[in-house]
Amino acid sequence: MSQAIPPRLLRPGHDAGDRIRLANSASIIETETSSAAEFARWWDELSSNTVFEVERVPFTSLRKWEFHWETGNLVHDTGRFFSVQGLRVRSPGGPGLEWTQPIINQPEVGILGLLVKEFDGVLHCLVQAKAEPGNINAIQVSPTVQATRSNYTGAHGGESVPYLEYFTDSRRAHVLVDVLQSEQGAWFYRKRNRNMVVEVTGPVPVAPGYRWIALGHLRRIAAADNMMNMDLRTVFACIPFEQCSEVLAQHTVDPFQFALARSLALDAGALHTTTEVMSWFTDIKSRDITSAIPMPLRDIRDWHRTDHAIVHDSGKYFSVIAAAVRAGRREVVEWTQPFFEPQSIGLIAFLVKRFSGVLHVLAHARVEPGFLDIVELAPTVQCAPENYADWPAEHRPPFLDAVLRAVPQQIRYDAIQSEEGGRFFRAQNRYVIVEIDREPDIPADYRWMTIGQLTGLLEHSHYLNVQARSLIACLNALW
């Protein structure tokens, strides 16, 4: 499913006025409608008034959840929401070769939607301060709409989803972005969400917990720790900033900023044409024979269940836990649910390098068993380093040590970001962008690409994984 982005927002050869409008909006932080100081006061007030208590409980304390008598799958008694089942993975030639694991099966497609509107010639985004039980800090800046199908059809028994009508009724708004994108392929089985950006021109009432924020201000929020939630990062990454390249390049004297600005253009100065990149990626996907087959949770190997968790025998990777949640600002005041909890903080990193004055990103064609196509483009490094501390050097993820040993002068971005707080419990990753001078030896499943080439692929589904999309949002905070 492709984005429905108007051609005027896509290519420099079209309406120059609209190109400048988007470029100017992306660079403006302060407006009469949106000031950083007012946003900070609003945010502090909401943070202090948000009540969110999460308590680990034994599985027997889960209400309306049970382990199915036949499969052992952890399911909701309505058959909706999501389930935790087993997955058998065979990856010939890989370091793990074959394994089994728990995985979340949530077959319904949710909506992640961002509403935008122009105030005094500047595009603003309607964001919400959304509380999620798995967040490390309760509330984070989130899209206008962040809802599963169970949410917006009322299966959870809570209130209706505000502003949903702008994303389900095409007559109410002008669609700028509309594309299905994957979720974490290691923890979700073929999970997809509809990433949308729609523009309105008429009046929009602002509900409590929501606020208009300038596009440029929102872009910069991705630089802060645990501020912009994962769902907003993935939507924001899908906004095409290619047309900003020329404008930004003309207004910077910093060599790195200039190289980044030039990289926003689709193919300008790229080491490989987009056609060559697509051929490389298609060849890798067609050659991969990894299989991922659902199986009963009770039959997975090397995992064991206690009263409070399902854990790997090694103590690594992640656990499945149960929790009771009590919230003061959410559709349902109290509930229980399972969560996936990582055992340590992960590392998500892009290596970047300038080639002929154009910044390139080293992308990885990565296999993850939960992907619909098994392979998607991922960051250079995507792992939890502690999981590989005792692995032999030849099986450690490529470039992991290069990122871990980077000196401060090489690090262009470094922040801790949370992952999806509705299914994952306090899942955090260190997001890093490291610039290198020397070109290392590149394995066959890695390729240098410009930012414009990566974002161009976001017009389509199943090309960039959610971690790569998050890093694109982080990269956009740098200019």
Protein backbone atom coordinates (compact mmCIF):
# COMPACT_ATOMS: atom_id res chain seq x y z
CA MET A 1 0.00 0.00 0.00
CA SER A 2 1.64 3.29 -1.09
CA GLN A 3 1.44 6.66 0.55
CA ALA A 4 -1.08 9.05 -0.92
CA ILE A 5 1.37 11.96 -0.87
CA PRO A 6 0.46 14.71 -3.35
CA PRO A 7 3.14 15.12 -6.05
CA ARG A 8 3.59 18.76 -4.98
CA LEU A 9 5.17 17.50 -1.75
CA LEU A 10 7.45 14.94 -3.32
CA ARG A 11 9.68 16.23 -6.08
CA PRO A 12 11.61 19.51 -6.52
CA GLY A 13 10.33 19.85 -10.07
CA HIS A 14 6.80 20.62 -8.93
CA ASP A 15 5.24 23.52 -6.99
CA ALA A 16 8.12 25.54 -5.55
CA GLY A 17 5.82 27.44 -3.18
CA ASP A 18 4.73 24.27 -1.42
CA ARG A 19 8.34 23.05 -1.23
CA ILE A 20 9.36 26.26 0.50
CA ARG A 21 6.32 26.09 2.79
CA LEU A 22 7.27 22.66 4.06
CA ALA A 23 10.97 23.50 4.29
CA ASN A 24 10.27 26.73 6.19
CA SER A 25 7.83 24.97 8.51
CA ALA A 26 10.39 22.28 9.29
CA SER A 27 12.94 24.91 10.33
CA ILE A 28 10.67 27.11 12.50
CA ILE A 29 10.68 26.28 16.20
CA GLU A 30 8.74 29.21 17.70
CA THR A 31 5.39 30.60 16.53
CA GLU A 32 2.52 32.54 18.09
CA THR A 33 0.56 29.29 18.24
CA SER A 34 3.43 27.19 19.58
CA SER A 35 6.23 28.39 21.84
CA ALA A 36 8.79 26.12 23.48
CA ALA A 37 8.24 27.75 26.88
CA GLU A 38 4.46 27.28 26.77
CA PHE A 39 4.91 23.69 25.63
CA ALA A 40 7.30 23.01 28.53
CA ARG A 41 4.82 24.42 31.07
CA TRP A 42 1.99 22.38 29.56
CA TRP A 43 4.14 19.27 29.61
CA ASP A 44 5.30 19.72 33.19
CA GLU A 45 1.72 20.23 34.39
CA LEU A 46 0.46 17.09 32.64
CA SER A 47 3.40 15.05 33.89
CA SER A 48 2.79 16.03 37.49
CA ASN A 49 -0.95 15.34 37.24
CA THR A 50 -0.75 11.97 35.51
CA VAL A 51 -1.39 9.03 37.82
CA PHE A 52 -0.05 5.75 36.47
CA GLU A 53 0.69 2.76 38.69
CA VAL A 54 2.00 -0.49 37.25
CA GLU A 55 2.52 -3.50 39.50
CA ARG A 56 3.94 -6.88 38.52
CA VAL A 57 1.54 -9.67 39.39
CA PRO A 58 1.49 -13.45 38.98
CA PHE A 59 -0.17 -14.81 35.86
CA THR A 60 -3.04 -16.08 38.00
CA SER A 61 -3.94 -12.45 38.79
CA LEU A 62 -4.55 -11.59 35.15
CA ARG A 63 -8.22 -10.81 34.62
CA LYS A 64 -9.79 -12.06 31.36
CA TRP A 65 -6.45 -13.56 30.31
CA GLU A 66 -5.53 -17.23 30.52
CA PHE A 67 -3.17 -19.87 29.18
CA HIS A 68 -5.19 -21.85 26.65
CA TRP A 69 -5.70 -25.41 27.87
CA GLU A 70 -4.57 -26.98 24.59
CA THR A 71 -1.84 -24.71 23.14
CA GLY A 72 -0.61 -22.95 26.26
CA ASN A 73 -0.94 -19.64 24.36
CA LEU A 74 -1.66 -16.63 26.56
CA VAL A 75 -4.97 -15.29 25.23
CA HIS A 76 -7.75 -12.83 26.09
CA ASP A 77 -11.12 -14.39 26.76
CA THR A 78 -12.74 -12.29 24.00
CA GLY A 79 -10.30 -13.63 21.41
CA ARG A 80 -9.37 -10.02 20.59
CA PHE A 81 -6.54 -7.62 21.45
CA PHE A 82 -3.47 -9.86 21.11
CA SER A 83 -2.11 -13.21 22.17
CA VAL A 84 1.31 -14.57 23.14
CA GLN A 85 2.14 -17.70 21.18
CA GLY A 86 5.24 -19.64 20.17
CA LEU A 87 7.33 -19.27 17.02
CA ARG A 88 9.77 -21.76 15.48
CA VAL A 89 12.51 -20.11 13.42
CA ARG A 90 14.92 -21.82 11.04
CA SER A 91 17.70 -19.63 9.64
CA PRO A 92 20.17 -21.76 7.65
CA GLY A 93 23.64 -20.33 7.86
CA GLY A 94 22.86 -17.87 10.64
CA PRO A 95 24.53 -17.87 14.06
CA GLY A 96 21.39 -19.14 15.79
CA LEU A 97 20.50 -21.69 13.09
CA GLU A 98 17.22 -22.68 14.74
CA TRP A 99 15.35 -21.53 17.82
CA THR A 100 11.91 -21.13 19.35
CA GLN A 101 10.54 -18.15 21.24
CA PRO A 102 7.39 -16.41 22.48
CA ILE A 103 5.97 -13.80 20.11
CA ILE A 104 3.00 -11.41 20.13
CA ASN A 105 0.30 -12.12 17.58
CA GLN A 106 -1.89 -9.07 16.99
CA PRO A 107 -3.34 -9.54 13.50
CA GLU A 108 -5.43 -6.37 13.44
CA VAL A 109 -4.09 -3.19 11.78
CA GLY A 110 -3.97 -0.09 13.98
CA ILE A 111 -3.89 3.59 13.04
CA LEU A 112 -1.02 5.91 13.92
CA GLY A 113 -2.22 9.30 12.71
CA LEU A 114 -0.82 12.83 12.86
CA LEU A 115 -3.14 15.77 12.16
CA VAL A 116 -1.49 18.89 10.69
CA LYS A 117 -2.84 22.40 10.10
CA GLU A 118 -1.33 25.66 8.89
CA PHE A 119 -1.23 28.63 11.27
CA ASP A 120 0.16 31.90 9.87
CA GLY A 121 1.90 30.06 7.04
CA VAL A 122 3.56 27.45 9.28
CA LEU A 123 2.49 23.83 9.51
CA HIS A 124 1.65 22.65 13.04
CA CYS A 125 0.98 19.13 14.33
CA LEU A 126 -1.67 18.15 16.84
CA VAL A 127 0.08 15.90 19.37
CA GLN A 128 -1.13 14.29 22.56
CA ALA A 129 0.54 13.62 25.87
CA LYS A 130 -0.27 9.93 25.96
CA ALA A 131 0.28 7.70 28.95
CA GLU A 132 1.27 4.11 28.30
CA PRO A 133 1.79 1.54 31.08
CA GLY A 134 5.12 0.33 29.74
CA ASN A 135 6.68 3.79 29.45
CA ILE A 136 9.60 4.54 31.74
CA ASN A 137 8.17 8.04 32.35
CA ALA A 138 4.39 7.46 31.93
CA ILE A 139 3.56 10.14 29.33
CA GLN A 140 5.33 10.84 26.06
CA VAL A 141 4.60 13.02 23.03
CA SER A 142 2.43 10.87 20.77
CA PRO A 143 0.52 11.09 17.49
CA THR A 144 -2.96 12.60 17.35
CA VAL A 145 -4.39 9.09 17.03
CA GLN A 146 -2.69 5.97 18.31
CA ALA A 147 -5.19 3.15 18.36
CA THR A 148 -5.53 -0.52 17.57
CA ARG A 149 -8.67 -1.73 15.86
CA SER A 150 -9.82 -3.13 19.20
CA ASN A 151 -9.45 0.37 20.68
CA TYR A 152 -11.43 2.25 18.07
CA THR A 153 -14.14 -0.38 17.70
CA GLY A 154 -14.74 -0.28 21.46
CA ALA A 155 -13.57 -3.80 22.34
CA HIS A 156 -11.72 -2.38 25.36
CA GLY A 157 -14.96 -0.94 26.75
CA GLY A 158 -13.49 2.57 27.07
CA GLU A 159 -14.24 5.94 25.52
CA SER A 160 -14.16 6.68 21.80
CA VAL A 161 -10.84 7.69 20.24
CA PRO A 162 -10.61 11.48 19.74
CA TYR A 163 -10.01 12.74 16.18
CA LEU A 164 -10.34 9.26 14.67
CA GLU A 165 -12.84 10.56 12.08
CA TYR A 166 -10.13 12.62 10.34
CA PHE A 167 -8.27 9.41 9.51
CA THR A 168 -11.19 7.16 8.62
CA ASP A 169 -13.22 9.65 6.53
CA SER A 170 -11.22 10.98 3.58
CA ARG A 171 -13.69 13.85 3.11
CA ARG A 172 -12.61 15.49 6.36
CA ALA A 173 -8.91 15.97 5.61
CA HIS A 174 -6.30 16.00 2.86
CA VAL A 175 -4.09 12.91 3.01
CA LEU A 176 -0.34 13.58 2.92
CA VAL A 177 0.98 10.22 4.11
CA ASP A 178 -0.76 6.83 4.22
CA VAL A 179 1.30 3.65 4.34
CA LEU A 180 1.35 0.35 6.22
CA GLN A 181 4.53 -0.16 8.23
CA SER A 182 5.81 -3.06 10.31
CA GLU A 183 6.42 -3.22 14.05
CA GLN A 184 9.29 -4.96 15.90
CA GLY A 185 9.97 -8.14 13.94
CA ALA A 186 11.60 -9.90 16.90
CA TRP A 187 8.57 -9.52 19.18
CA PHE A 188 5.53 -9.11 16.89
CA TYR A 189 4.32 -11.66 14.35
CA ARG A 190 3.53 -9.81 11.11
CA LYS A 191 2.20 -6.78 12.97
CA ARG A 192 1.44 -3.70 10.88
CA ASN A 193 0.09 -0.22 11.55
CA ARG A 194 -1.31 2.35 9.19
CA ASN A 195 0.97 5.41 9.38
CA MET A 196 -0.93 8.53 8.36
CA VAL A 197 -0.46 12.30 8.15
CA VAL A 198 -3.52 14.34 7.14
CA GLU A 199 -3.95 18.10 6.74
CA VAL A 200 -7.04 20.06 7.74
CA THR A 201 -7.96 23.66 6.98
CA GLY A 202 -11.04 24.22 9.15
CA PRO A 203 -11.32 24.71 12.89
CA VAL A 204 -10.35 21.75 15.09
CA PRO A 205 -11.28 21.74 18.79
CA VAL A 206 -8.31 20.93 21.02
CA ALA A 207 -9.20 18.30 23.62
CA PRO A 208 -7.52 18.13 27.05
CA GLY A 209 -4.12 16.49 26.79
CA TYR A 210 -3.62 17.65 23.17
CA ARG A 211 -1.68 20.61 21.77
CA TRP A 212 -0.67 22.17 18.46
CA ILE A 213 3.10 22.25 18.04
CA ALA A 214 5.14 23.73 15.19
CA LEU A 215 6.58 21.18 12.77
CA GLY A 216 10.13 22.38 13.45
CA HIS A 217 9.65 22.17 17.21
CA LEU A 218 8.30 18.64 16.94
CA ARG A 219 11.27 17.66 14.79
CA ARG A 220 13.67 18.82 17.52
CA ILE A 221 11.84 16.91 20.28
CA ALA A 222 13.33 13.68 18.87
CA ALA A 223 16.68 14.83 20.28
CA ALA A 224 15.49 14.48 23.90
CA ASP A 225 15.56 11.30 25.96
CA ASN A 226 12.24 9.44 26.18
CA MET A 227 10.18 12.38 24.89
CA MET A 228 8.84 11.41 21.46
CA ASN A 229 7.22 8.00 21.62
CA MET A 230 7.92 5.24 19.13
CA ASP A 231 4.61 5.61 17.30
CA LEU A 232 5.19 9.30 16.65
CA ARG A 233 8.77 8.63 15.54
CA THR A 234 7.63 6.15 12.90
CA VAL A 235 4.92 8.49 11.57
CA PHE A 236 7.23 11.49 11.59
CA ALA A 237 9.88 9.57 9.65
CA CYS A 238 7.37 9.05 6.84
CA ILE A 239 6.98 12.81 6.21
CA PRO A 240 8.93 13.58 3.01
CA PHE A 241 11.60 16.20 3.72
CA GLU A 242 13.41 15.66 0.42
CA GLN A 243 12.35 19.07 -0.83
CA CYS A 244 14.10 20.73 2.14
CA SER A 245 17.54 19.76 0.83
CA GLU A 246 18.28 22.77 -1.35
CA VAL A 247 16.91 25.31 1.12
CA LEU A 248 18.86 23.87 4.06
CA ALA A 249 22.09 23.57 2.10
CA GLN A 250 21.92 27.27 1.24
CA HIS A 251 21.59 28.32 4.88
CA THR A 252 24.35 26.37 6.63
CA VAL A 253 28.12 26.78 6.83
CA ASP A 254 28.71 23.68 8.96
CA PRO A 255 30.25 20.89 6.80
CA PHE A 256 28.31 18.10 8.51
CA GLN A 257 25.02 20.00 8.25
CA PHE A 258 25.73 20.69 4.58
CA ALA A 259 26.42 16.99 3.92
CA LEU A 260 23.23 16.06 5.78
CA ALA A 261 21.18 18.59 3.81
CA ARG A 262 22.48 17.24 0.50
CA SER A 263 21.68 13.71 1.67
CA LEU A 264 17.98 14.57 1.96
CA ALA A 265 17.67 14.66 -1.84
CA LEU A 266 16.66 11.36 -3.41
CA ASP A 267 19.60 10.36 -5.60
CA ALA A 268 21.86 13.43 -5.61
CA GLY A 269 25.44 12.33 -4.99
CA ALA A 270 24.45 8.80 -3.97
CA LEU A 271 27.06 6.04 -4.26
CA HIS A 272 24.38 3.72 -5.64
CA THR A 273 21.30 4.66 -7.61
CA THR A 274 17.93 3.80 -6.12
CA THR A 275 17.48 1.19 -8.84
CA GLU A 276 20.77 -0.44 -7.83
CA VAL A 277 19.76 -0.38 -4.16
CA MET A 278 16.40 -1.95 -4.97
CA SER A 279 18.05 -4.68 -7.03
CA TRP A 280 20.48 -5.46 -4.19
CA PHE A 281 17.68 -5.59 -1.62
CA THR A 282 15.39 -7.69 -3.81
CA ASP A 283 18.22 -10.15 -4.45
CA ILE A 284 18.83 -10.58 -0.71
CA LYS A 285 15.12 -11.12 -0.02
CA SER A 286 14.78 -13.65 -2.83
CA ARG A 287 17.80 -15.64 -1.63
CA ASP A 288 16.83 -15.79 2.04
CA ILE A 289 15.19 -19.05 3.08
CA THR A 290 14.54 -18.28 6.74
CA SER A 291 11.24 -19.78 7.90
CA ALA A 292 9.11 -18.64 10.83
CA ILE A 293 6.24 -20.94 11.76
CA PRO A 294 3.76 -20.30 14.61
CA MET A 295 3.63 -23.03 17.22
CA PRO A 296 1.98 -23.63 20.62
CA LEU A 297 3.56 -21.60 23.38
CA ARG A 298 3.74 -24.67 25.61
CA ASP A 299 6.07 -26.41 23.12
CA ILE A 300 8.83 -23.79 22.89
CA ARG A 301 12.31 -24.98 23.89
CA ASP A 302 14.87 -23.32 26.17
CA TRP A 303 12.22 -21.26 27.94
CA HIS A 304 10.48 -21.93 31.23
CA ARG A 305 7.47 -20.50 33.00
CA THR A 306 7.35 -19.39 36.63
CA ASP A 307 4.40 -17.96 38.53
CA HIS A 308 5.38 -14.45 37.40
CA ALA A 309 7.22 -14.75 34.07
CA ILE A 310 8.21 -16.75 31.01
CA VAL A 311 11.99 -16.48 30.79
CA HIS A 312 14.80 -17.83 28.63
CA ASP A 313 16.95 -20.46 30.34
CA SER A 314 20.06 -18.31 29.80
CA GLY A 315 18.50 -15.28 31.50
CA LYS A 316 19.02 -13.27 28.28
CA TYR A 317 16.80 -11.66 25.66
CA PHE A 318 13.38 -10.87 27.17
CA SER A 319 10.66 -12.16 29.47
CA VAL A 320 6.88 -12.30 29.31
CA ILE A 321 5.40 -10.82 32.48
CA ALA A 322 1.98 -9.93 33.87
CA ALA A 323 1.07 -6.54 35.34
CA ALA A 324 -1.86 -4.70 36.90
CA VAL A 325 -2.32 -1.12 35.71
CA ARG A 326 -4.13 1.77 37.34
CA ALA A 327 -4.34 4.97 35.32
CA GLY A 328 -5.70 8.46 35.87
CA ARG A 329 -5.56 9.56 32.23
CA ARG A 330 -6.52 6.73 29.92
CA GLU A 331 -9.61 5.22 28.27
CA VAL A 332 -9.93 2.47 30.92
CA VAL A 333 -9.06 3.26 34.53
CA GLU A 334 -7.84 -0.18 35.62
CA TRP A 335 -6.86 -3.38 33.86
CA THR A 336 -4.34 -6.25 33.71
CA GLN A 337 -2.31 -7.48 30.75
CA PRO A 338 0.84 -9.35 29.68
CA PHE A 339 3.97 -7.44 28.65
CA PHE A 340 7.26 -8.27 26.97
CA GLU A 341 10.15 -7.03 29.11
CA PRO A 342 13.72 -6.83 27.73
CA GLN A 343 16.53 -7.97 29.99
CA SER A 344 18.75 -4.98 29.16
CA ILE A 345 18.91 -1.71 27.24
CA GLY A 346 19.43 -2.18 23.52
CA LEU A 347 21.67 -0.36 21.06
CA ILE A 348 20.29 1.06 17.80
CA ALA A 349 22.90 2.79 15.64
CA PHE A 350 23.61 4.15 12.19
CA LEU A 351 27.17 4.47 10.98
CA VAL A 352 27.32 7.50 8.68
CA LYS A 353 30.05 8.71 6.34
CA ARG A 354 30.47 11.55 3.89
CA PHE A 355 31.13 10.60 0.29
CA SER A 356 31.91 13.58 -1.97
CA GLY A 357 30.20 15.89 0.50
CA VAL A 358 27.00 13.84 0.78
CA LEU A 359 26.16 12.04 4.02
CA HIS A 360 25.47 8.32 3.62
CA VAL A 361 23.96 5.87 6.09
CA LEU A 362 25.06 2.23 6.33
CA ALA A 363 21.83 0.21 6.17
CA HIS A 364 21.51 -3.49 6.94
CA ALA A 365 19.18 -5.93 5.14
CA ARG A 366 18.15 -7.64 8.37
CA VAL A 367 16.28 -10.89 8.95
CA GLU A 368 13.64 -10.80 11.69
CA PRO A 369 11.20 -13.69 12.05
CA GLY A 370 8.11 -11.56 12.65
CA PHE A 371 8.37 -9.59 9.40
CA LEU A 372 5.86 -10.33 6.69
CA ASP A 373 8.74 -10.49 4.16
CA ILE A 374 11.31 -11.75 6.75
CA VAL A 375 13.85 -9.11 5.58
CA GLU A 376 13.66 -5.32 6.00
CA LEU A 377 16.24 -2.54 5.98
CA ALA A 378 17.51 -1.91 9.49
CA PRO A 379 20.10 0.21 11.30
CA THR A 380 23.79 -0.67 11.04
CA VAL A 381 23.64 -2.10 14.57
CA GLN A 382 20.47 -3.34 16.25
CA CYS A 383 20.95 -5.52 19.31
CA ALA A 384 21.21 -5.72 23.08
CA PRO A 385 25.00 -5.82 23.60
CA GLU A 386 24.70 -7.82 26.82
CA ASN A 387 23.20 -10.72 24.86
CA TYR A 388 26.46 -11.07 22.93
CA ALA A 389 28.98 -10.54 25.72
CA ASP A 390 29.95 -14.23 25.74
CA TRP A 391 29.66 -14.86 21.98
CA PRO A 392 32.77 -15.51 19.87
CA ALA A 393 33.97 -12.52 17.88
CA GLU A 394 32.95 -14.00 14.53
CA HIS A 395 29.32 -14.20 15.63
CA ARG A 396 29.01 -10.80 17.29
CA PRO A 397 26.92 -8.33 15.25
CA PRO A 398 29.04 -6.52 12.63
CA PHE A 399 30.08 -2.98 13.61
CA LEU A 400 28.93 -3.41 17.23
CA ASP A 401 32.40 -2.74 18.57
CA ALA A 402 32.87 0.23 16.23
CA VAL A 403 29.81 1.87 17.79
CA LEU A 404 30.71 0.97 21.37
CA ARG A 405 34.26 2.33 20.94
CA ALA A 406 33.25 5.57 19.21
CA VAL A 407 34.84 8.68 20.71
CA PRO A 408 32.71 11.76 21.52
CA GLN A 409 33.87 13.60 18.38
CA GLN A 410 32.33 10.86 16.23
CA ILE A 411 28.93 10.79 17.92
CA ARG A 412 26.43 13.02 16.14
CA TYR A 413 23.37 11.82 18.07
CA ASP A 414 23.01 9.94 21.35
CA ALA A 415 19.73 9.57 23.25
CA ILE A 416 17.71 6.96 25.11
CA GLN A 417 14.33 6.30 23.51
CA SER A 418 11.43 4.13 24.63
CA GLU A 419 9.77 1.51 22.50
CA GLU A 420 6.05 0.75 22.30
CA GLY A 421 4.63 1.26 25.80
CA GLY A 422 1.39 -0.61 25.24
CA ARG A 423 2.97 -4.06 24.82
CA PHE A 424 6.55 -3.65 26.07
CA PHE A 425 7.47 -2.94 29.69
CA ARG A 426 10.15 -0.26 30.08
CA ALA A 427 11.79 -1.21 26.81
CA GLN A 428 14.52 1.31 26.09
CA ASN A 429 17.21 1.57 23.46
CA ARG A 430 20.20 3.82 23.13
CA TYR A 431 19.88 5.46 19.70
CA VAL A 432 23.23 6.55 18.30
CA ILE A 433 24.50 8.08 15.07
CA VAL A 434 28.26 7.67 14.66
CA GLU A 435 30.26 9.34 11.90
CA ILE A 436 33.32 7.52 10.58
CA ASP A 437 36.12 8.72 8.31
CA ARG A 438 37.49 5.44 6.97
CA GLU A 439 35.28 3.13 4.99
CA PRO A 440 35.30 -0.33 6.63
CA ASP A 441 34.89 -3.66 4.88
CA ILE A 442 31.17 -3.99 4.15
CA PRO A 443 29.42 -7.40 4.30
CA ALA A 444 27.15 -8.27 1.40
CA ASP A 445 23.97 -7.55 3.37
CA TYR A 446 24.96 -3.91 4.08
CA ARG A 447 24.73 -0.94 1.72
CA TRP A 448 25.56 2.77 1.84
CA MET A 449 22.46 4.88 1.13
CA THR A 450 21.54 8.55 1.36
CA ILE A 451 18.83 9.72 3.73
CA GLY A 452 16.72 10.64 0.72
CA GLN A 453 16.95 7.10 -0.63
CA LEU A 454 15.86 5.66 2.71
CA THR A 455 12.94 8.05 3.15
CA GLY A 456 11.93 7.54 -0.46
CA LEU A 457 11.35 3.87 0.34
CA LEU A 458 8.96 4.91 3.10
CA GLU A 459 6.40 5.64 0.40
CA HIS A 460 5.93 1.85 0.42
CA SER A 461 5.42 -0.90 2.99
CA HIS A 462 7.95 -3.39 4.34
CA TYR A 463 11.20 -1.65 3.39
CA LEU A 464 12.44 0.04 6.60
CA ASN A 465 11.93 -1.54 9.99
CA VAL A 466 10.66 0.48 12.95
CA GLN A 467 14.13 0.96 14.43
CA ALA A 468 15.41 2.43 11.15
CA ARG A 469 12.37 4.68 10.96
CA SER A 470 13.04 5.86 14.51
CA LEU A 471 16.62 6.69 13.59
CA ILE A 472 15.39 8.67 10.57
CA ALA A 473 13.32 10.76 13.00
CA CYS A 474 16.46 11.19 15.12
CA LEU A 475 18.48 12.24 12.08
CA ASN A 476 15.86 14.85 11.25
CA ALA A 477 16.42 16.39 14.69
CA LEU A 478 19.99 17.27 13.68
CA TRP A 479 19.23 19.93 11.08
